[in-house]
Amino acid sequence: MELWDIPIIVAGSESGVAYTIGDSRAAIDFLLMRWPCTLNQSYQTAIYVCGRSIADRNENAAAQEAFIAALSDADIAFDFMPASSQGGQAKA
C-alpha cells in the first residue's frame, strides 16, 4: 500500500479529534466507520475509487482526489499535513 504524497488531516466532530488520512485504506476506514454525513454521490465515488486504489497502486492520486471531493461536498473541515510533520504520521 502506497502512502499518499500529502496526508490529509480531517477534523472529527467528536470533541475536537483530528484524523490523519495517509492512504486509501485509512480513507476507506474513515468513510465506512467515521463518516458523519449523508452518503451522497461523492461519498459513493470515494468508496469506489479508494477501493480500486487498494487493488491498483496507479489509482493513488485519484483516490485522494475523490476523498477530498467527498469531504468538501459534506462540508467536513480538512487540511493538508505540513511537510515538516510527515515523518511519523499516524493513520485513522
PDB file of N, CA and C in Angstrom:
ATOM      1  N   MET A   1       0.849  -1.179   0.000  1.00  0.00           N
ATOM      2  CA  MET A   1       0.000   0.000   0.000  1.00  0.00           C
ATOM      3  C   MET A   1       0.892   1.239   0.000  1.00  0.00           C
ATOM      4  N   GLU A   2       0.714   2.057  -0.984  1.00  0.00           N
ATOM      5  CA  GLU A   2       1.486   3.293  -1.072  1.00  0.00           C
ATOM      6  C   GLU A   2       0.811   4.410  -0.299  1.00  0.00           C
ATOM      7  N   LEU A   3       1.627   5.203   0.359  1.00  0.00           N
ATOM      8  CA  LEU A   3       1.113   6.371   1.063  1.00  0.00           C
ATOM      9  C   LEU A   3       0.818   7.481   0.070  1.00  0.00           C
ATOM     10  N   TRP A   4      -0.148   8.317   0.411  1.00  0.00           N
ATOM     11  CA  TRP A   4      -0.429   9.488  -0.404  1.00  0.00           C
ATOM     12  C   TRP A   4       0.733  10.470  -0.279  1.00  0.00           C
ATOM     13  N   ASP A   5       0.953  11.256  -1.313  1.00  0.00           N
ATOM     14  CA  ASP A   5       2.053  12.226  -1.294  1.00  0.00           C
ATOM     15  C   ASP A   5       1.919  13.206  -0.132  1.00  0.00           C
ATOM     16  N   ILE A   6       0.721  13.694   0.082  1.00  0.00           N
ATOM     17  CA  ILE A   6       0.466  14.644   1.172  1.00  0.00           C
ATOM     18  C   ILE A   6      -0.726  14.126   1.976  1.00  0.00           C
ATOM     19  N   PRO A   7      -0.498  13.688   3.214  1.00  0.00           N
ATOM     20  CA  PRO A   7      -1.606  13.220   4.044  1.00  0.00           C
ATOM     21  C   PRO A   7      -2.614  14.341   4.319  1.00  0.00           C
ATOM     22  N   ILE A   8      -3.824  13.926   4.646  1.00  0.00           N
ATOM     23  CA  ILE A   8      -4.910  14.867   4.928  1.00  0.00           C
ATOM     24  C   ILE A   8      -5.272  14.752   6.402  1.00  0.00           C
ATOM     25  N   ILE A   9      -5.459  15.884   7.041  1.00  0.00           N
ATOM     26  CA  ILE A   9      -5.923  15.928   8.427  1.00  0.00           C
ATOM     27  C   ILE A   9      -7.398  16.300   8.387  1.00  0.00           C
ATOM     28  N   VAL A  10      -8.239  15.421   8.924  1.00  0.00           N
ATOM     29  CA  VAL A  10      -9.688  15.625   8.917  1.00  0.00           C
ATOM     30  C   VAL A  10     -10.132  15.969  10.333  1.00  0.00           C
ATOM     31  N   ALA A  11     -10.885  17.053  10.456  1.00  0.00           N
ATOM     32  CA  ALA A  11     -11.416  17.443  11.759  1.00  0.00           C
ATOM     33  C   ALA A  11     -12.586  16.542  12.101  1.00  0.00           C
ATOM     34  N   GLY A  12     -12.479  15.859  13.217  1.00  0.00           N
ATOM     35  CA  GLY A  12     -13.563  14.997  13.664  1.00  0.00           C
ATOM     36  C   GLY A  12     -14.632  15.806  14.376  1.00  0.00           C
ATOM     37  N   SER A  13     -15.843  15.301  14.374  1.00  0.00           N
ATOM     38  CA  SER A  13     -16.946  16.013  15.007  1.00  0.00           C
ATOM     39  C   SER A  13     -17.007  15.743  16.506  1.00  0.00           C
ATOM     40  N   GLU A  14     -16.257  14.765  16.967  1.00  0.00           N
ATOM     41  CA  GLU A  14     -16.295  14.383  18.373  1.00  0.00           C
ATOM     42  C   GLU A  14     -15.143  15.019  19.151  1.00  0.00           C
ATOM     43  N   SER A  15     -15.472  15.930  20.011  1.00  0.00           N
ATOM     44  CA  SER A  15     -14.532  16.554  20.956  1.00  0.00           C
ATOM     45  C   SER A  15     -13.200  16.975  20.348  1.00  0.00           C
ATOM     46  N   GLY A  16     -13.219  17.496  19.153  1.00  0.00           N
ATOM     47  CA  GLY A  16     -12.017  18.044  18.545  1.00  0.00           C
ATOM     48  C   GLY A  16     -10.991  17.029  18.081  1.00  0.00           C
ATOM     49  N   VAL A  17     -11.368  15.788  17.950  1.00  0.00           N
ATOM     50  CA  VAL A  17     -10.449  14.757  17.477  1.00  0.00           C
ATOM     51  C   VAL A  17     -10.128  15.025  16.008  1.00  0.00           C
ATOM     52  N   ALA A  18      -8.864  14.868  15.647  1.00  0.00           N
ATOM     53  CA  ALA A  18      -8.460  15.006  14.244  1.00  0.00           C
ATOM     54  C   ALA A  18      -7.910  13.663  13.771  1.00  0.00           C
ATOM     55  N   TYR A  19      -8.205  13.323  12.529  1.00  0.00           N
ATOM     56  CA  TYR A  19      -7.746  12.069  11.939  1.00  0.00           C
ATOM     57  C   TYR A  19      -6.767  12.376  10.828  1.00  0.00           C
ATOM     58  N   THR A  20      -5.665  11.651  10.802  1.00  0.00           N
ATOM     59  CA  THR A  20      -4.697  11.784   9.720  1.00  0.00           C
ATOM     60  C   THR A  20      -4.937  10.649   8.740  1.00  0.00           C
ATOM     61  N   ILE A  21      -5.236  11.017   7.512  1.00  0.00           N
ATOM     62  CA  ILE A  21      -5.513  10.041   6.463  1.00  0.00           C
ATOM     63  C   ILE A  21      -4.342  10.080   5.490  1.00  0.00           C
ATOM     64  N   GLY A  22      -3.580   8.987   5.440  1.00  0.00           N
ATOM     65  CA  GLY A  22      -2.377   8.972   4.629  1.00  0.00           C
ATOM     66  C   GLY A  22      -2.363   7.972   3.492  1.00  0.00           C
ATOM     67  N   ASP A  23      -3.431   7.178   3.366  1.00  0.00           N
ATOM     68  CA  ASP A  23      -3.501   6.227   2.262  1.00  0.00           C
ATOM     69  C   ASP A  23      -4.954   5.820   2.043  1.00  0.00           C
ATOM     70  N   SER A  24      -5.181   5.024   1.026  1.00  0.00           N
ATOM     71  CA  SER A  24      -6.543   4.652   0.652  1.00  0.00           C
ATOM     72  C   SER A  24      -7.230   3.777   1.691  1.00  0.00           C
ATOM     73  N   ARG A  25      -6.490   2.931   2.378  1.00  0.00           N
ATOM     74  CA  ARG A  25      -7.099   2.097   3.423  1.00  0.00           C
ATOM     75  C   ARG A  25      -7.604   2.963   4.571  1.00  0.00           C
ATOM     76  N   ALA A  26      -6.827   3.949   4.979  1.00  0.00           N
ATOM     77  CA  ALA A  26      -7.257   4.856   6.048  1.00  0.00           C
ATOM     78  C   ALA A  26      -8.467   5.674   5.591  1.00  0.00           C
ATOM     79  N   ALA A  27      -8.490   6.040   4.312  1.00  0.00           N
ATOM     80  CA  ALA A  27      -9.629   6.796   3.785  1.00  0.00           C
ATOM     81  C   ALA A  27     -10.897   5.952   3.811  1.00  0.00           C
ATOM     82  N   ILE A  28     -10.808   4.693   3.389  1.00  0.00           N
ATOM     83  CA  ILE A  28     -11.984   3.822   3.427  1.00  0.00           C
ATOM     84  C   ILE A  28     -12.435   3.589   4.866  1.00  0.00           C
ATOM     85  N   ASP A  29     -11.485   3.418   5.768  1.00  0.00           N
ATOM     86  CA  ASP A  29     -11.841   3.256   7.176  1.00  0.00           C
ATOM     87  C   ASP A  29     -12.633   4.464   7.670  1.00  0.00           C
ATOM     88  N   PHE A  30     -12.156   5.654   7.348  1.00  0.00           N
ATOM     89  CA  PHE A  30     -12.864   6.861   7.763  1.00  0.00           C
ATOM     90  C   PHE A  30     -14.247   6.922   7.117  1.00  0.00           C
ATOM     91  N   LEU A  31     -14.317   6.638   5.840  1.00  0.00           N
ATOM     92  CA  LEU A  31     -15.594   6.703   5.130  1.00  0.00           C
ATOM     93  C   LEU A  31     -16.612   5.707   5.697  1.00  0.00           C
ATOM     94  N   LEU A  32     -16.163   4.506   6.005  1.00  0.00           N
ATOM     95  CA  LEU A  32     -17.081   3.467   6.472  1.00  0.00           C
ATOM     96  C   LEU A  32     -17.388   3.534   7.968  1.00  0.00           C
ATOM     97  N   MET A  33     -16.420   3.958   8.768  1.00  0.00           N
ATOM     98  CA  MET A  33     -16.581   3.877  10.222  1.00  0.00           C
ATOM     99  C   MET A  33     -16.807   5.226  10.917  1.00  0.00           C
ATOM    100  N   ARG A  34     -16.416   6.325  10.280  1.00  0.00           N
ATOM    101  CA  ARG A  34     -16.467   7.609  10.976  1.00  0.00           C
ATOM    102  C   ARG A  34     -17.220   8.698  10.206  1.00  0.00           C
ATOM    103  N   TRP A  35     -17.773   8.363   9.081  1.00  0.00           N
ATOM    104  CA  TRP A  35     -18.429   9.364   8.223  1.00  0.00           C
ATOM    105  C   TRP A  35     -19.661   9.926   8.935  1.00  0.00           C
ATOM    106  N   PRO A  36     -19.689  11.243   9.178  1.00  0.00           N
ATOM    107  CA  PRO A  36     -20.784  11.829   9.965  1.00  0.00           C
ATOM    108  C   PRO A  36     -21.932  12.376   9.128  1.00  0.00           C
ATOM    109  N   CYS A  37     -21.904  12.212   7.830  1.00  0.00           N
ATOM    110  CA  CYS A  37     -22.848  12.911   6.952  1.00  0.00           C
ATOM    111  C   CYS A  37     -23.650  11.936   6.086  1.00  0.00           C
ATOM    112  N   THR A  38     -24.471  12.532   5.244  1.00  0.00           N
ATOM    113  CA  THR A  38     -25.266  11.775   4.283  1.00  0.00           C
ATOM    114  C   THR A  38     -24.359  11.049   3.296  1.00  0.00           C
ATOM    115  N   LEU A  39     -24.774   9.891   2.866  1.00  0.00           N
ATOM    116  CA  LEU A  39     -23.995   9.092   1.913  1.00  0.00           C
ATOM    117  C   LEU A  39     -24.375   9.504   0.494  1.00  0.00           C
ATOM    118  N   ASN A  40     -23.826  10.632   0.056  1.00  0.00           N
ATOM    119  CA  ASN A  40     -24.173  11.190  -1.254  1.00  0.00           C
ATOM    120  C   ASN A  40     -23.303  10.594  -2.363  1.00  0.00           C
ATOM    121  N   GLN A  41     -23.444  11.132  -3.566  1.00  0.00           N
ATOM    122  CA  GLN A  41     -22.735  10.606  -4.735  1.00  0.00           C
ATOM    123  C   GLN A  41     -21.212  10.707  -4.585  1.00  0.00           C
ATOM    124  N   SER A  42     -20.708  11.812  -4.051  1.00  0.00           N
ATOM    125  CA  SER A  42     -19.252  11.942  -3.903  1.00  0.00           C
ATOM    126  C   SER A  42     -18.711  10.952  -2.870  1.00  0.00           C
ATOM    127  N   TYR A  43     -19.508  10.649  -1.852  1.00  0.00           N
ATOM    128  CA  TYR A  43     -19.143   9.624  -0.873  1.00  0.00           C
ATOM    129  C   TYR A  43     -19.036   8.264  -1.577  1.00  0.00           C
ATOM    130  N   GLN A  44     -20.053   7.920  -2.371  1.00  0.00           N
ATOM    131  CA  GLN A  44     -20.063   6.652  -3.100  1.00  0.00           C
ATOM    132  C   GLN A  44     -18.861   6.552  -4.043  1.00  0.00           C
ATOM    133  N   THR A  45     -18.558   7.654  -4.716  1.00  0.00           N
ATOM    134  CA  THR A  45     -17.414   7.680  -5.632  1.00  0.00           C
ATOM    135  C   THR A  45     -16.118   7.466  -4.870  1.00  0.00           C
ATOM    136  N   ALA A  46     -15.976   8.121  -3.713  1.00  0.00           N
ATOM    137  CA  ALA A  46     -14.758   7.977  -2.910  1.00  0.00           C
ATOM    138  C   ALA A  46     -14.565   6.535  -2.461  1.00  0.00           C
ATOM    139  N   ILE A  47     -15.646   5.878  -2.031  1.00  0.00           N
ATOM    140  CA  ILE A  47     -15.558   4.467  -1.633  1.00  0.00           C
ATOM    141  C   ILE A  47     -15.057   3.623  -2.815  1.00  0.00           C
ATOM    142  N   TYR A  48     -15.658   3.838  -3.975  1.00  0.00           N
ATOM    143  CA  TYR A  48     -15.298   3.068  -5.169  1.00  0.00           C
ATOM    144  C   TYR A  48     -13.844   3.303  -5.583  1.00  0.00           C
ATOM    145  N   VAL A  49     -13.453   4.571  -5.680  1.00  0.00           N
ATOM    146  CA  VAL A  49     -12.106   4.898  -6.168  1.00  0.00           C
ATOM    147  C   VAL A  49     -11.034   4.478  -5.154  1.00  0.00           C
ATOM    148  N   CYS A  50     -11.297   4.662  -3.868  1.00  0.00           N
ATOM    149  CA  CYS A  50     -10.326   4.224  -2.860  1.00  0.00           C
ATOM    150  C   CYS A  50     -10.182   2.699  -2.881  1.00  0.00           C
ATOM    151  N   GLY A  51     -11.279   1.995  -3.082  1.00  0.00           N
ATOM    152  CA  GLY A  51     -11.214   0.540  -3.202  1.00  0.00           C
ATOM    153  C   GLY A  51     -10.390   0.102  -4.397  1.00  0.00           C
ATOM    154  N   ARG A  52     -10.580   0.775  -5.508  1.00  0.00           N
ATOM    155  CA  ARG A  52      -9.773   0.477  -6.704  1.00  0.00           C
ATOM    156  C   ARG A  52      -8.301   0.776  -6.456  1.00  0.00           C
ATOM    157  N   SER A  53      -8.036   1.824  -5.693  1.00  0.00           N
ATOM    158  CA  SER A  53      -6.660   2.216  -5.410  1.00  0.00           C
ATOM    159  C   SER A  53      -5.920   1.146  -4.611  1.00  0.00           C
ATOM    160  N   ILE A  54      -6.638   0.475  -3.728  1.00  0.00           N
ATOM    161  CA  ILE A  54      -6.018  -0.585  -2.940  1.00  0.00           C
ATOM    162  C   ILE A  54      -5.583  -1.727  -3.853  1.00  0.00           C
ATOM    163  N   ALA A  55      -6.376  -2.002  -4.866  1.00  0.00           N
ATOM    164  CA  ALA A  55      -6.060  -3.074  -5.812  1.00  0.00           C
ATOM    165  C   ALA A  55      -5.052  -2.640  -6.874  1.00  0.00           C
ATOM    166  N   ASP A  56      -5.026  -1.366  -7.211  1.00  0.00           N
ATOM    167  CA  ASP A  56      -4.179  -0.856  -8.288  1.00  0.00           C
ATOM    168  C   ASP A  56      -3.481   0.410  -7.820  1.00  0.00           C
ATOM    169  N   ARG A  57      -2.207   0.307  -7.532  1.00  0.00           N
ATOM    170  CA  ARG A  57      -1.463   1.448  -6.976  1.00  0.00           C
ATOM    171  C   ARG A  57      -1.469   2.681  -7.890  1.00  0.00           C
ATOM    172  N   ASN A  58      -1.784   2.502  -9.158  1.00  0.00           N
ATOM    173  CA  ASN A  58      -1.810   3.632 -10.086  1.00  0.00           C
ATOM    174  C   ASN A  58      -2.969   4.583  -9.806  1.00  0.00           C
ATOM    175  N   GLU A  59      -3.914   4.176  -8.987  1.00  0.00           N
ATOM    176  CA  GLU A  59      -5.097   4.981  -8.685  1.00  0.00           C
ATOM    177  C   GLU A  59      -4.925   5.830  -7.416  1.00  0.00           C
ATOM    178  N   ASN A  60      -3.733   5.893  -6.863  1.00  0.00           N
ATOM    179  CA  ASN A  60      -3.490   6.581  -5.604  1.00  0.00           C
ATOM    180  C   ASN A  60      -3.922   8.050  -5.627  1.00  0.00           C
ATOM    181  N   ALA A  61      -3.517   8.790  -6.628  1.00  0.00           N
ATOM    182  CA  ALA A  61      -3.864  10.215  -6.715  1.00  0.00           C
ATOM    183  C   ALA A  61      -5.365  10.396  -6.909  1.00  0.00           C
ATOM    184  N   ALA A  62      -5.973   9.541  -7.706  1.00  0.00           N
ATOM    185  CA  ALA A  62      -7.415   9.624  -7.924  1.00  0.00           C
ATOM    186  C   ALA A  62      -8.175   9.348  -6.640  1.00  0.00           C
ATOM    187  N   ALA A  63      -7.677   8.427  -5.818  1.00  0.00           N
ATOM    188  CA  ALA A  63      -8.323   8.113  -4.542  1.00  0.00           C
ATOM    189  C   ALA A  63      -8.289   9.321  -3.615  1.00  0.00           C
ATOM    190  N   GLN A  64      -7.144   9.968  -3.542  1.00  0.00           N
ATOM    191  CA  GLN A  64      -7.039  11.145  -2.676  1.00  0.00           C
ATOM    192  C   GLN A  64      -7.966  12.258  -3.176  1.00  0.00           C
ATOM    193  N   GLU A  65      -8.018  12.460  -4.472  1.00  0.00           N
ATOM    194  CA  GLU A  65      -8.908  13.492  -5.034  1.00  0.00           C
ATOM    195  C   GLU A  65     -10.376  13.178  -4.732  1.00  0.00           C
ATOM    196  N   ALA A  66     -10.759  11.918  -4.859  1.00  0.00           N
ATOM    197  CA  ALA A  66     -12.145  11.535  -4.582  1.00  0.00           C
ATOM    198  C   ALA A  66     -12.472  11.714  -3.104  1.00  0.00           C
ATOM    199  N   PHE A  67     -11.531  11.385  -2.237  1.00  0.00           N
ATOM    200  CA  PHE A  67     -11.736  11.562  -0.797  1.00  0.00           C
ATOM    201  C   PHE A  67     -11.894  13.044  -0.453  1.00  0.00           C
ATOM    202  N   ILE A  68     -11.059  13.880  -1.030  1.00  0.00           N
ATOM    203  CA  ILE A  68     -11.151  15.331  -0.805  1.00  0.00           C
ATOM    204  C   ILE A  68     -12.489  15.865  -1.313  1.00  0.00           C
ATOM    205  N   ALA A  69     -12.934  15.388  -2.462  1.00  0.00           N
ATOM    206  CA  ALA A  69     -14.224  15.827  -3.010  1.00  0.00           C
ATOM    207  C   ALA A  69     -15.369  15.452  -2.073  1.00  0.00           C
ATOM    208  N   ALA A  70     -15.318  14.255  -1.510  1.00  0.00           N
ATOM    209  CA  ALA A  70     -16.361  13.830  -0.569  1.00  0.00           C
ATOM    210  C   ALA A  70     -16.353  14.700   0.678  1.00  0.00           C
ATOM    211  N   LEU A  71     -15.160  14.994   1.204  1.00  0.00           N
ATOM    212  CA  LEU A  71     -15.060  15.878   2.369  1.00  0.00           C
ATOM    213  C   LEU A  71     -15.615  17.262   2.058  1.00  0.00           C
ATOM    214  N   SER A  72     -15.237  17.794   0.918  1.00  0.00           N
ATOM    215  CA  SER A  72     -15.687  19.133   0.521  1.00  0.00           C
ATOM    216  C   SER A  72     -17.200  19.188   0.356  1.00  0.00           C
ATOM    217  N   ASP A  73     -17.768  18.210  -0.333  1.00  0.00           N
ATOM    218  CA  ASP A  73     -19.212  18.176  -0.553  1.00  0.00           C
ATOM    219  C   ASP A  73     -19.988  18.055   0.749  1.00  0.00           C
ATOM    220  N   ALA A  74     -19.396  17.398   1.744  1.00  0.00           N
ATOM    221  CA  ALA A  74     -20.057  17.208   3.030  1.00  0.00           C
ATOM    222  C   ALA A  74     -19.740  18.333   4.022  1.00  0.00           C
ATOM    223  N   ASP A  75     -18.976  19.326   3.576  1.00  0.00           N
ATOM    224  CA  ASP A  75     -18.557  20.431   4.446  1.00  0.00           C
ATOM    225  C   ASP A  75     -17.825  19.946   5.697  1.00  0.00           C
ATOM    226  N   ILE A  76     -16.993  18.947   5.526  1.00  0.00           N
ATOM    227  CA  ILE A  76     -16.158  18.453   6.614  1.00  0.00           C
ATOM    228  C   ILE A  76     -14.815  19.167   6.517  1.00  0.00           C
ATOM    229  N   ALA A  77     -14.402  19.780   7.616  1.00  0.00           N
ATOM    230  CA  ALA A  77     -13.154  20.543   7.627  1.00  0.00           C
ATOM    231  C   ALA A  77     -11.957  19.607   7.485  1.00  0.00           C
ATOM    232  N   PHE A  78     -11.018  20.010   6.653  1.00  0.00           N
ATOM    233  CA  PHE A  78      -9.790  19.235   6.481  1.00  0.00           C
ATOM    234  C   PHE A  78      -8.662  20.169   6.104  1.00  0.00           C
ATOM    235  N   ASP A  79      -7.447  19.680   6.235  1.00  0.00           N
ATOM    236  CA  ASP A  79      -6.257  20.428   5.852  1.00  0.00           C
ATOM    237  C   ASP A  79      -5.225  19.412   5.400  1.00  0.00           C
ATOM    238  N   PHE A  80      -4.146  19.901   4.847  1.00  0.00           N
ATOM    239  CA  PHE A  80      -3.062  19.029   4.411  1.00  0.00           C
ATOM    240  C   PHE A  80      -1.962  19.069   5.456  1.00  0.00           C
ATOM    241  N   MET A  81      -1.358  17.919   5.721  1.00  0.00           N
ATOM    242  CA  MET A  81      -0.306  17.849   6.716  1.00  0.00           C
ATOM    243  C   MET A  81       0.918  18.602   6.203  1.00  0.00           C
ATOM    244  N   PRO A  82       1.457  19.490   7.015  1.00  0.00           N
ATOM    245  CA  PRO A  82       2.671  20.214   6.602  1.00  0.00           C
ATOM    246  C   PRO A  82       3.819  19.237   6.346  1.00  0.00           C
ATOM    247  N   ALA A  83       4.644  19.562   5.387  1.00  0.00           N
ATOM    248  CA  ALA A  83       5.756  18.683   5.011  1.00  0.00           C
ATOM    249  C   ALA A  83       6.663  18.374   6.201  1.00  0.00           C
ATOM    250  N   SER A  84       6.848  19.313   7.101  1.00  0.00           N
ATOM    251  CA  SER A  84       7.728  19.103   8.252  1.00  0.00           C
ATOM    252  C   SER A  84       7.166  18.090   9.238  1.00  0.00           C
ATOM    253  N   SER A  85       5.876  17.761   9.146  1.00  0.00           N
ATOM    254  CA  SER A  85       5.238  16.841  10.092  1.00  0.00           C
ATOM    255  C   SER A  85       5.025  15.446   9.527  1.00  0.00           C
ATOM    256  N   GLN A  86       5.448  15.187   8.307  1.00  0.00           N
ATOM    257  CA  GLN A  86       5.097  13.950   7.647  1.00  0.00           C
ATOM    258  C   GLN A  86       5.977  12.763   8.012  1.00  0.00           C
ATOM    259  N   GLY A  87       6.980  12.946   8.828  1.00  0.00           N
ATOM    260  CA  GLY A  87       7.880  11.853   9.150  1.00  0.00           C
ATOM    261  C   GLY A  87       7.213  10.636   9.759  1.00  0.00           C
ATOM    262  N   GLY A  88       6.578  10.775  10.901  1.00  0.00           N
ATOM    263  CA  GLY A  88       5.985   9.642  11.589  1.00  0.00           C
ATOM    264  C   GLY A  88       4.482   9.776  11.703  1.00  0.00           C
ATOM    265  N   GLN A  89       3.808   9.775  10.607  1.00  0.00           N
ATOM    266  CA  GLN A  89       2.359  10.013  10.617  1.00  0.00           C
ATOM    267  C   GLN A  89       1.579   8.811  11.131  1.00  0.00           C
ATOM    268  N   ALA A  90       0.510   9.111  11.843  1.00  0.00           N
ATOM    269  CA  ALA A  90      -0.423   8.071  12.288  1.00  0.00           C
ATOM    270  C   ALA A  90      -1.567   8.008  11.311  1.00  0.00           C
ATOM    271  N   LYS A  91      -2.196   6.859  11.226  1.00  0.00           N
ATOM    272  CA  LYS A  91      -3.318   6.695  10.305  1.00  0.00           C
ATOM    273  C   LYS A  91      -4.586   6.465  11.093  1.00  0.00           C
ATOM    274  N   ALA A  92      -5.707   6.838  10.473  1.00  0.00           N
ATOM    275  CA  ALA A  92      -7.009   6.605  11.130  1.00  0.00           C
ATOM    276  C   ALA A  92      -7.345   5.145  11.059  1.00  0.00           C
TER     277      ALA A  92
END
